[in-house]
Amino acid sequence: MKISIVIPNRNGAEMLRKNLPFVLVAAKGAEVIVVDDASEDNSLLLLKKEFPSVRVLRKSCHDGFASTVNVGVKEAKGEIVVLLNTDVRPEQNFLAPLIA
């Protein structure tokens, strides 16, 4: 079963640096998409340099949470889509109940 994780981001470079490594370990094998809501910090550069396995979608104008999440969900390829915020550090087996 394919799982996609969608993470909306707006100027969250520091939160991504802090928490995204834990997402990638806990969600091994899942598609991880970060949708950037026209950030003005170095989020895009950080994602490109430090997290090349993450699919990054960039919005050109800031529209807010709902439209940002919708962009990610629309592009997700998984049968299950999980939404996470940049401040989330998931437990190791957080996807297990969904897969079961």
PDB file of N, CA and C in Angstrom:
ATOM      1  N   MET A   1       0.850  -1.171   0.000  1.00  0.00           N
ATOM      2  CA  MET A   1       0.000   0.000   0.000  1.00  0.00           C
ATOM      3  C   MET A   1       0.898   1.238   0.000  1.00  0.00           C
ATOM      4  N   LYS A   2       0.643   2.142  -0.915  1.00  0.00           N
ATOM      5  CA  LYS A   2       1.447   3.368  -1.048  1.00  0.00           C
ATOM      6  C   LYS A   2       0.857   4.464  -0.159  1.00  0.00           C
ATOM      7  N   ILE A   3       1.739   5.116   0.588  1.00  0.00           N
ATOM      8  CA  ILE A   3       1.334   6.210   1.468  1.00  0.00           C
ATOM      9  C   ILE A   3       2.056   7.476   1.036  1.00  0.00           C
ATOM     10  N   SER A   4       1.318   8.561   1.021  1.00  0.00           N
ATOM     11  CA  SER A   4       1.893   9.879   0.748  1.00  0.00           C
ATOM     12  C   SER A   4       1.746  10.737   1.992  1.00  0.00           C
ATOM     13  N   ILE A   5       2.799  11.474   2.301  1.00  0.00           N
ATOM     14  CA  ILE A   5       2.769  12.417   3.417  1.00  0.00           C
ATOM     15  C   ILE A   5       2.904  13.811   2.829  1.00  0.00           C
ATOM     16  N   VAL A   6       1.943  14.662   3.130  1.00  0.00           N
ATOM     17  CA  VAL A   6       1.930  16.034   2.629  1.00  0.00           C
ATOM     18  C   VAL A   6       2.200  16.976   3.791  1.00  0.00           C
ATOM     19  N   ILE A   7       3.203  17.826   3.605  1.00  0.00           N
ATOM     20  CA  ILE A   7       3.591  18.785   4.638  1.00  0.00           C
ATOM     21  C   ILE A   7       3.501  20.193   4.052  1.00  0.00           C
ATOM     22  N   PRO A   8       2.540  20.997   4.508  1.00  0.00           N
ATOM     23  CA  PRO A   8       2.494  22.389   4.063  1.00  0.00           C
ATOM     24  C   PRO A   8       3.576  23.194   4.781  1.00  0.00           C
ATOM     25  N   ASN A   9       4.187  24.118   4.076  1.00  0.00           N
ATOM     26  CA  ASN A   9       5.263  24.909   4.669  1.00  0.00           C
ATOM     27  C   ASN A   9       5.132  26.374   4.292  1.00  0.00           C
ATOM     28  N   ARG A  10       5.302  27.222   5.286  1.00  0.00           N
ATOM     29  CA  ARG A  10       5.380  28.671   5.075  1.00  0.00           C
ATOM     30  C   ARG A  10       6.459  29.201   6.012  1.00  0.00           C
ATOM     31  N   ASN A  11       7.601  29.535   5.446  1.00  0.00           N
ATOM     32  CA  ASN A  11       8.726  30.063   6.227  1.00  0.00           C
ATOM     33  C   ASN A  11       9.111  29.148   7.384  1.00  0.00           C
ATOM     34  N   GLY A  12       9.118  27.867   7.132  1.00  0.00           N
ATOM     35  CA  GLY A  12       9.389  26.899   8.194  1.00  0.00           C
ATOM     36  C   GLY A  12      10.719  26.185   8.073  1.00  0.00           C
ATOM     37  N   ALA A  13      11.727  26.837   7.526  1.00  0.00           N
ATOM     38  CA  ALA A  13      13.021  26.181   7.305  1.00  0.00           C
ATOM     39  C   ALA A  13      13.573  25.548   8.573  1.00  0.00           C
ATOM     40  N   GLU A  14      13.540  26.266   9.666  1.00  0.00           N
ATOM     41  CA  GLU A  14      14.110  25.726  10.908  1.00  0.00           C
ATOM     42  C   GLU A  14      13.322  24.526  11.417  1.00  0.00           C
ATOM     43  N   MET A  15      12.005  24.573  11.296  1.00  0.00           N
ATOM     44  CA  MET A  15      11.187  23.431  11.717  1.00  0.00           C
ATOM     45  C   MET A  15      11.425  22.239  10.797  1.00  0.00           C
ATOM     46  N   LEU A  16      11.570  22.481   9.506  1.00  0.00           N
ATOM     47  CA  LEU A  16      11.875  21.398   8.576  1.00  0.00           C
ATOM     48  C   LEU A  16      13.219  20.763   8.923  1.00  0.00           C
ATOM     49  N   ARG A  17      14.222  21.581   9.154  1.00  0.00           N
ATOM     50  CA  ARG A  17      15.557  21.071   9.497  1.00  0.00           C
ATOM     51  C   ARG A  17      15.487  20.219  10.773  1.00  0.00           C
ATOM     52  N   LYS A  18      14.683  20.628  11.711  1.00  0.00           N
ATOM     53  CA  LYS A  18      14.584  19.955  13.004  1.00  0.00           C
ATOM     54  C   LYS A  18      13.766  18.663  12.938  1.00  0.00           C
ATOM     55  N   ASN A  19      12.655  18.673  12.190  1.00  0.00           N
ATOM     56  CA  ASN A  19      11.704  17.566  12.258  1.00  0.00           C
ATOM     57  C   ASN A  19      11.634  16.664  11.033  1.00  0.00           C
ATOM     58  N   LEU A  20      11.990  17.170   9.867  1.00  0.00           N
ATOM     59  CA  LEU A  20      11.865  16.360   8.653  1.00  0.00           C
ATOM     60  C   LEU A  20      12.734  15.093   8.683  1.00  0.00           C
ATOM     61  N   PRO A  21      13.928  15.115   9.263  1.00  0.00           N
ATOM     62  CA  PRO A  21      14.677  13.856   9.345  1.00  0.00           C
ATOM     63  C   PRO A  21      13.910  12.751  10.077  1.00  0.00           C
ATOM     64  N   PHE A  22      13.166  13.108  11.111  1.00  0.00           N
ATOM     65  CA  PHE A  22      12.372  12.127  11.854  1.00  0.00           C
ATOM     66  C   PHE A  22      11.199  11.617  11.012  1.00  0.00           C
ATOM     67  N   VAL A  23      10.606  12.493  10.219  1.00  0.00           N
ATOM     68  CA  VAL A  23       9.526  12.074   9.313  1.00  0.00           C
ATOM     69  C   VAL A  23      10.061  11.062   8.315  1.00  0.00           C
ATOM     70  N   LEU A  24      11.202  11.354   7.723  1.00  0.00           N
ATOM     71  CA  LEU A  24      11.763  10.471   6.701  1.00  0.00           C
ATOM     72  C   LEU A  24      12.126   9.100   7.259  1.00  0.00           C
ATOM     73  N   VAL A  25      12.627   9.047   8.479  1.00  0.00           N
ATOM     74  CA  VAL A  25      12.950   7.762   9.096  1.00  0.00           C
ATOM     75  C   VAL A  25      11.672   6.997   9.442  1.00  0.00           C
ATOM     76  N   ALA A  26      10.711   7.672  10.027  1.00  0.00           N
ATOM     77  CA  ALA A  26       9.476   7.017  10.464  1.00  0.00           C
ATOM     78  C   ALA A  26       8.586   6.615   9.295  1.00  0.00           C
ATOM     79  N   ALA A  27       8.745   7.279   8.173  1.00  0.00           N
ATOM     80  CA  ALA A  27       7.880   7.027   7.018  1.00  0.00           C
ATOM     81  C   ALA A  27       8.652   6.392   5.870  1.00  0.00           C
ATOM     82  N   LYS A  28       9.622   5.573   6.206  1.00  0.00           N
ATOM     83  CA  LYS A  28      10.456   4.945   5.184  1.00  0.00           C
ATOM     84  C   LYS A  28       9.594   4.280   4.115  1.00  0.00           C
ATOM     85  N   GLY A  29       9.841   4.618   2.873  1.00  0.00           N
ATOM     86  CA  GLY A  29       9.089   4.051   1.764  1.00  0.00           C
ATOM     87  C   GLY A  29       7.893   4.878   1.335  1.00  0.00           C
ATOM     88  N   ALA A  30       7.506   5.839   2.149  1.00  0.00           N
ATOM     89  CA  ALA A  30       6.362   6.680   1.798  1.00  0.00           C
ATOM     90  C   ALA A  30       6.825   7.834   0.910  1.00  0.00           C
ATOM     91  N   GLU A  31       5.932   8.313   0.088  1.00  0.00           N
ATOM     92  CA  GLU A  31       6.176   9.527  -0.686  1.00  0.00           C
ATOM     93  C   GLU A  31       6.026  10.710   0.267  1.00  0.00           C
ATOM     94  N   VAL A  32       7.026  11.568   0.317  1.00  0.00           N
ATOM     95  CA  VAL A  32       6.953  12.756   1.171  1.00  0.00           C
ATOM     96  C   VAL A  32       6.957  13.983   0.271  1.00  0.00           C
ATOM     97  N   ILE A  33       5.915  14.790   0.418  1.00  0.00           N
ATOM     98  CA  ILE A  33       5.742  16.001  -0.385  1.00  0.00           C
ATOM     99  C   ILE A  33       5.695  17.199   0.548  1.00  0.00           C
ATOM    100  N   VAL A  34       6.532  18.188   0.297  1.00  0.00           N
ATOM    101  CA  VAL A  34       6.443  19.464   0.997  1.00  0.00           C
ATOM    102  C   VAL A  34       5.901  20.473   0.004  1.00  0.00           C
ATOM    103  N   VAL A  35       4.804  21.105   0.367  1.00  0.00           N
ATOM    104  CA  VAL A  35       4.219  22.148  -0.481  1.00  0.00           C
ATOM    105  C   VAL A  35       4.576  23.482   0.150  1.00  0.00           C
ATOM    106  N   ASP A  36       5.363  24.255  -0.567  1.00  0.00           N
ATOM    107  CA  ASP A  36       5.818  25.534  -0.044  1.00  0.00           C
ATOM    108  C   ASP A  36       4.852  26.642  -0.444  1.00  0.00           C
ATOM    109  N   ASP A  37       4.348  27.342   0.555  1.00  0.00           N
ATOM    110  CA  ASP A  37       3.352  28.395   0.352  1.00  0.00           C
ATOM    111  C   ASP A  37       4.040  29.757   0.226  1.00  0.00           C
ATOM    112  N   ALA A  38       4.862  29.888  -0.833  1.00  0.00           N
ATOM    113  CA  ALA A  38       5.559  31.147  -1.150  1.00  0.00           C
ATOM    114  C   ALA A  38       6.400  31.647   0.018  1.00  0.00           C
ATOM    115  N   SER A  39       7.202  30.750   0.578  1.00  0.00           N
ATOM    116  CA  SER A  39       8.061  31.125   1.703  1.00  0.00           C
ATOM    117  C   SER A  39       9.039  32.220   1.312  1.00  0.00           C
ATOM    118  N   GLU A  40       9.386  33.019   2.311  1.00  0.00           N
ATOM    119  CA  GLU A  40      10.355  34.095   2.110  1.00  0.00           C
ATOM    120  C   GLU A  40      11.663  33.807   2.843  1.00  0.00           C
ATOM    121  N   ASP A  41      11.763  32.629   3.437  1.00  0.00           N
ATOM    122  CA  ASP A  41      13.011  32.230   4.099  1.00  0.00           C
ATOM    123  C   ASP A  41      13.775  31.290   3.170  1.00  0.00           C
ATOM    124  N   ASN A  42      14.684  30.519   3.700  1.00  0.00           N
ATOM    125  CA  ASN A  42      15.488  29.632   2.864  1.00  0.00           C
ATOM    126  C   ASN A  42      14.937  28.204   2.807  1.00  0.00           C
ATOM    127  N   SER A  43      13.652  28.045   2.974  1.00  0.00           N
ATOM    128  CA  SER A  43      13.035  26.720   2.961  1.00  0.00           C
ATOM    129  C   SER A  43      13.346  25.934   1.697  1.00  0.00           C
ATOM    130  N   LEU A  44      13.192  26.558   0.542  1.00  0.00           N
ATOM    131  CA  LEU A  44      13.397  25.845  -0.716  1.00  0.00           C
ATOM    132  C   LEU A  44      14.841  25.414  -0.891  1.00  0.00           C
ATOM    133  N   LEU A  45      15.763  26.270  -0.543  1.00  0.00           N
ATOM    134  CA  LEU A  45      17.181  25.935  -0.633  1.00  0.00           C
ATOM    135  C   LEU A  45      17.522  24.801   0.331  1.00  0.00           C
ATOM    136  N   LEU A  46      17.009  24.866   1.539  1.00  0.00           N
ATOM    137  CA  LEU A  46      17.219  23.818   2.528  1.00  0.00           C
ATOM    138  C   LEU A  46      16.715  22.477   2.015  1.00  0.00           C
ATOM    139  N   LEU A  47      15.506  22.456   1.483  1.00  0.00           N
ATOM    140  CA  LEU A  47      14.929  21.209   0.980  1.00  0.00           C
ATOM    141  C   LEU A  47      15.768  20.639  -0.156  1.00  0.00           C
ATOM    142  N   LYS A  48      16.204  21.489  -1.049  1.00  0.00           N
ATOM    143  CA  LYS A  48      16.998  21.036  -2.190  1.00  0.00           C
ATOM    144  C   LYS A  48      18.336  20.457  -1.744  1.00  0.00           C
ATOM    145  N   LYS A  49      18.997  21.130  -0.816  1.00  0.00           N
ATOM    146  CA  LYS A  49      20.335  20.716  -0.391  1.00  0.00           C
ATOM    147  C   LYS A  49      20.326  19.558   0.608  1.00  0.00           C
ATOM    148  N   GLU A  50      19.446  19.613   1.597  1.00  0.00           N
ATOM    149  CA  GLU A  50      19.502  18.654   2.689  1.00  0.00           C
ATOM    150  C   GLU A  50      18.510  17.497   2.578  1.00  0.00           C
ATOM    151  N   PHE A  51      17.476  17.661   1.757  1.00  0.00           N
ATOM    152  CA  PHE A  51      16.440  16.628   1.655  1.00  0.00           C
ATOM    153  C   PHE A  51      16.074  16.359   0.192  1.00  0.00           C
ATOM    154  N   PRO A  52      17.035  15.893  -0.601  1.00  0.00           N
ATOM    155  CA  PRO A  52      16.767  15.711  -2.035  1.00  0.00           C
ATOM    156  C   PRO A  52      15.724  14.639  -2.346  1.00  0.00           C
ATOM    157  N   SER A  53      15.442  13.751  -1.400  1.00  0.00           N
ATOM    158  CA  SER A  53      14.447  12.706  -1.658  1.00  0.00           C
ATOM    159  C   SER A  53      13.011  13.209  -1.504  1.00  0.00           C
ATOM    160  N   VAL A  54      12.856  14.397  -0.942  1.00  0.00           N
ATOM    161  CA  VAL A  54      11.521  14.961  -0.726  1.00  0.00           C
ATOM    162  C   VAL A  54      11.054  15.657  -1.991  1.00  0.00           C
ATOM    163  N   ARG A  55       9.835  15.374  -2.366  1.00  0.00           N
ATOM    164  CA  ARG A  55       9.230  16.057  -3.512  1.00  0.00           C
ATOM    165  C   ARG A  55       8.757  17.436  -3.047  1.00  0.00           C
ATOM    166  N   VAL A  56       9.193  18.467  -3.733  1.00  0.00           N
ATOM    167  CA  VAL A  56       8.856  19.834  -3.340  1.00  0.00           C
ATOM    168  C   VAL A  56       7.967  20.458  -4.406  1.00  0.00           C
ATOM    169  N   LEU A  57       6.843  20.985  -3.964  1.00  0.00           N
ATOM    170  CA  LEU A  57       5.931  21.725  -4.830  1.00  0.00           C
ATOM    171  C   LEU A  57       5.933  23.161  -4.338  1.00  0.00           C
ATOM    172  N   ARG A  58       6.105  24.086  -5.241  1.00  0.00           N
ATOM    173  CA  ARG A  58       6.225  25.488  -4.856  1.00  0.00           C
ATOM    174  C   ARG A  58       5.046  26.293  -5.382  1.00  0.00           C
ATOM    175  N   LYS A  59       4.397  27.014  -4.478  1.00  0.00           N
ATOM    176  CA  LYS A  59       3.343  27.941  -4.879  1.00  0.00           C
ATOM    177  C   LYS A  59       3.963  29.328  -5.016  1.00  0.00           C
ATOM    178  N   SER A  60       3.533  30.070  -6.002  1.00  0.00           N
ATOM    179  CA  SER A  60       4.126  31.388  -6.256  1.00  0.00           C
ATOM    180  C   SER A  60       3.508  32.496  -5.405  1.00  0.00           C
ATOM    181  N   CYS A  61       2.329  32.238  -4.855  1.00  0.00           N
ATOM    182  CA  CYS A  61       1.727  33.252  -3.982  1.00  0.00           C
ATOM    183  C   CYS A  61       1.178  32.576  -2.730  1.00  0.00           C
ATOM    184  N   HIS A  62       1.203  33.318  -1.647  1.00  0.00           N
ATOM    185  CA  HIS A  62       0.753  32.820  -0.345  1.00  0.00           C
ATOM    186  C   HIS A  62      -0.771  32.802  -0.312  1.00  0.00           C
ATOM    187  N   ASP A  63      -1.332  31.590  -0.211  1.00  0.00           N
ATOM    188  CA  ASP A  63      -2.784  31.421  -0.184  1.00  0.00           C
ATOM    189  C   ASP A  63      -3.304  30.836   1.112  1.00  0.00           C
ATOM    190  N   GLY A  64      -2.412  30.389   1.977  1.00  0.00           N
ATOM    191  CA  GLY A  64      -2.849  29.834   3.241  1.00  0.00           C
ATOM    192  C   GLY A  64      -2.869  28.317   3.273  1.00  0.00           C
ATOM    193  N   PHE A  65      -3.199  27.806   4.448  1.00  0.00           N
ATOM    194  CA  PHE A  65      -3.107  26.380   4.754  1.00  0.00           C
ATOM    195  C   PHE A  65      -3.966  25.508   3.839  1.00  0.00           C
ATOM    196  N   ALA A  66      -5.237  25.810   3.731  1.00  0.00           N
ATOM    197  CA  ALA A  66      -6.150  24.924   2.999  1.00  0.00           C
ATOM    198  C   ALA A  66      -5.740  24.738   1.547  1.00  0.00           C
ATOM    199  N   SER A  67      -5.463  25.821   0.852  1.00  0.00           N
ATOM    200  CA  SER A  67      -5.094  25.677  -0.560  1.00  0.00           C
ATOM    201  C   SER A  67      -3.739  24.991  -0.703  1.00  0.00           C
ATOM    202  N   THR A  68      -2.843  25.205   0.246  1.00  0.00           N
ATOM    203  CA  THR A  68      -1.526  24.564   0.192  1.00  0.00           C
ATOM    204  C   THR A  68      -1.658  23.054   0.364  1.00  0.00           C
ATOM    205  N   VAL A  69      -2.435  22.636   1.336  1.00  0.00           N
ATOM    206  CA  VAL A  69      -2.671  21.208   1.544  1.00  0.00           C
ATOM    207  C   VAL A  69      -3.357  20.602   0.318  1.00  0.00           C
ATOM    208  N   ASN A  70      -4.316  21.302  -0.247  1.00  0.00           N
ATOM    209  CA  ASN A  70      -5.025  20.782  -1.413  1.00  0.00           C
ATOM    210  C   ASN A  70      -4.100  20.543  -2.595  1.00  0.00           C
ATOM    211  N   VAL A  71      -3.111  21.415  -2.786  1.00  0.00           N
ATOM    212  CA  VAL A  71      -2.129  21.213  -3.856  1.00  0.00           C
ATOM    213  C   VAL A  71      -1.398  19.886  -3.638  1.00  0.00           C
ATOM    214  N   GLY A  72      -0.960  19.644  -2.413  1.00  0.00           N
ATOM    215  CA  GLY A  72      -0.246  18.413  -2.109  1.00  0.00           C
ATOM    216  C   GLY A  72      -1.097  17.170  -2.260  1.00  0.00           C
ATOM    217  N   VAL A  73      -2.315  17.224  -1.774  1.00  0.00           N
ATOM    218  CA  VAL A  73      -3.216  16.071  -1.874  1.00  0.00           C
ATOM    219  C   VAL A  73      -3.502  15.757  -3.339  1.00  0.00           C
ATOM    220  N   LYS A  74      -3.693  16.780  -4.127  1.00  0.00           N
ATOM    221  CA  LYS A  74      -3.969  16.575  -5.558  1.00  0.00           C
ATOM    222  C   LYS A  74      -2.806  15.877  -6.261  1.00  0.00           C
ATOM    223  N   GLU A  75      -1.585  16.199  -5.868  1.00  0.00           N
ATOM    224  CA  GLU A  75      -0.398  15.632  -6.516  1.00  0.00           C
ATOM    225  C   GLU A  75       0.065  14.309  -5.898  1.00  0.00           C
ATOM    226  N   ALA A  76      -0.459  13.964  -4.741  1.00  0.00           N
ATOM    227  CA  ALA A  76      -0.039  12.741  -4.051  1.00  0.00           C
ATOM    228  C   ALA A  76      -0.422  11.506  -4.848  1.00  0.00           C
ATOM    229  N   LYS A  77       0.450  10.527  -4.829  1.00  0.00           N
ATOM    230  CA  LYS A  77       0.223   9.293  -5.566  1.00  0.00           C
ATOM    231  C   LYS A  77      -0.223   8.139  -4.666  1.00  0.00           C
ATOM    232  N   GLY A  78      -0.195   8.348  -3.368  1.00  0.00           N
ATOM    233  CA  GLY A  78      -0.534   7.288  -2.439  1.00  0.00           C
ATOM    234  C   GLY A  78      -2.016   7.005  -2.330  1.00  0.00           C
ATOM    235  N   GLU A  79      -2.307   5.779  -1.898  1.00  0.00           N
ATOM    236  CA  GLU A  79      -3.692   5.396  -1.626  1.00  0.00           C
ATOM    237  C   GLU A  79      -4.179   6.038  -0.329  1.00  0.00           C
ATOM    238  N   ILE A  80      -3.232   6.293   0.560  1.00  0.00           N
ATOM    239  CA  ILE A  80      -3.505   6.976   1.821  1.00  0.00           C
ATOM    240  C   ILE A  80      -2.665   8.237   1.840  1.00  0.00           C
ATOM    241  N   VAL A  81      -3.280   9.360   2.223  1.00  0.00           N
ATOM    242  CA  VAL A  81      -2.562  10.630   2.330  1.00  0.00           C
ATOM    243  C   VAL A  81      -2.609  11.077   3.785  1.00  0.00           C
ATOM    244  N   VAL A  82      -1.428  11.345   4.327  1.00  0.00           N
ATOM    245  CA  VAL A  82      -1.290  11.801   5.708  1.00  0.00           C
ATOM    246  C   VAL A  82      -0.828  13.249   5.671  1.00  0.00           C
ATOM    247  N   LEU A  83      -1.499  14.101   6.417  1.00  0.00           N
ATOM    248  CA  LEU A  83      -1.102  15.502   6.517  1.00  0.00           C
ATOM    249  C   LEU A  83      -0.312  15.709   7.804  1.00  0.00           C
ATOM    250  N   LEU A  84       0.862  16.331   7.672  1.00  0.00           N
ATOM    251  CA  LEU A  84       1.676  16.664   8.839  1.00  0.00           C
ATOM    252  C   LEU A  84       2.083  18.123   8.746  1.00  0.00           C
ATOM    253  N   ASN A  85       2.183  18.783   9.862  1.00  0.00           N
ATOM    254  CA  ASN A  85       2.732  20.131   9.901  1.00  0.00           C
ATOM    255  C   ASN A  85       4.237  20.062  10.091  1.00  0.00           C
ATOM    256  N   THR A  86       4.912  21.158   9.836  1.00  0.00           N
ATOM    257  CA  THR A  86       6.369  21.186   9.947  1.00  0.00           C
ATOM    258  C   THR A  86       6.861  20.988  11.374  1.00  0.00           C
ATOM    259  N   ASP A  87       6.001  21.202  12.359  1.00  0.00           N
ATOM    260  CA  ASP A  87       6.420  21.056  13.755  1.00  0.00           C
ATOM    261  C   ASP A  87       6.183  19.656  14.318  1.00  0.00           C
ATOM    262  N   VAL A  88       5.822  18.709  13.463  1.00  0.00           N
ATOM    263  CA  VAL A  88       5.521  17.355  13.915  1.00  0.00           C
ATOM    264  C   VAL A  88       6.764  16.468  13.818  1.00  0.00           C
ATOM    265  N   ARG A  89       7.016  15.752  14.903  1.00  0.00           N
ATOM    266  CA  ARG A  89       8.086  14.756  14.946  1.00  0.00           C
ATOM    267  C   ARG A  89       7.410  13.422  15.275  1.00  0.00           C
ATOM    268  N   PRO A  90       7.083  12.636  14.250  1.00  0.00           N
ATOM    269  CA  PRO A  90       6.280  11.426  14.472  1.00  0.00           C
ATOM    270  C   PRO A  90       7.048  10.307  15.183  1.00  0.00           C
ATOM    271  N   GLU A  91       6.276   9.452  15.847  1.00  0.00           N
ATOM    272  CA  GLU A  91       6.819   8.243  16.457  1.00  0.00           C
ATOM    273  C   GLU A  91       7.250   7.287  15.340  1.00  0.00           C
ATOM    274  N   GLN A  92       8.142   6.382  15.665  1.00  0.00           N
ATOM    275  CA  GLN A  92       8.712   5.470  14.679  1.00  0.00           C
ATOM    276  C   GLN A  92       7.644   4.694  13.894  1.00  0.00           C
ATOM    277  N   ASN A  93       6.634   4.168  14.546  1.00  0.00           N
ATOM    278  CA  ASN A  93       5.631   3.318  13.872  1.00  0.00           C
ATOM    279  C   ASN A  93       4.290   4.025  13.696  1.00  0.00           C
ATOM    280  N   PHE A  94       4.307   5.320  13.473  1.00  0.00           N
ATOM    281  CA  PHE A  94       3.045   6.050  13.430  1.00  0.00           C
ATOM    282  C   PHE A  94       2.150   5.658  12.257  1.00  0.00           C
ATOM    283  N   LEU A  95       2.705   5.072  11.218  1.00  0.00           N
ATOM    284  CA  LEU A  95       1.908   4.663  10.060  1.00  0.00           C
ATOM    285  C   LEU A  95       1.334   3.265  10.175  1.00  0.00           C
ATOM    286  N   ALA A  96       1.825   2.476  11.111  1.00  0.00           N
ATOM    287  CA  ALA A  96       1.415   1.072  11.237  1.00  0.00           C
ATOM    288  C   ALA A  96      -0.107   0.885  11.323  1.00  0.00           C
ATOM    289  N   PRO A  97      -0.837   1.653  12.124  1.00  0.00           N
ATOM    290  CA  PRO A  97      -2.289   1.464  12.184  1.00  0.00           C
ATOM    291  C   PRO A  97      -2.985   1.732  10.842  1.00  0.00           C
ATOM    292  N   LEU A  98      -2.454   2.634  10.054  1.00  0.00           N
ATOM    293  CA  LEU A  98      -3.064   2.907   8.751  1.00  0.00           C
ATOM    294  C   LEU A  98      -2.843   1.749   7.777  1.00  0.00           C
ATOM    295  N   ILE A  99      -1.667   1.171   7.839  1.00  0.00           N
ATOM    296  CA  ILE A  99      -1.341   0.086   6.931  1.00  0.00           C
ATOM    297  C   ILE A  99      -2.128  -1.160   7.279  1.00  0.00           C
ATOM    298  N   ALA A 100      -2.336  -1.389   8.584  1.00  0.00           N
ATOM    299  CA  ALA A 100      -3.097  -2.547   9.033  1.00  0.00           C
ATOM    300  C   ALA A 100      -4.540  -2.428   8.587  1.00  0.00           C
TER     301      ALA A 100
END
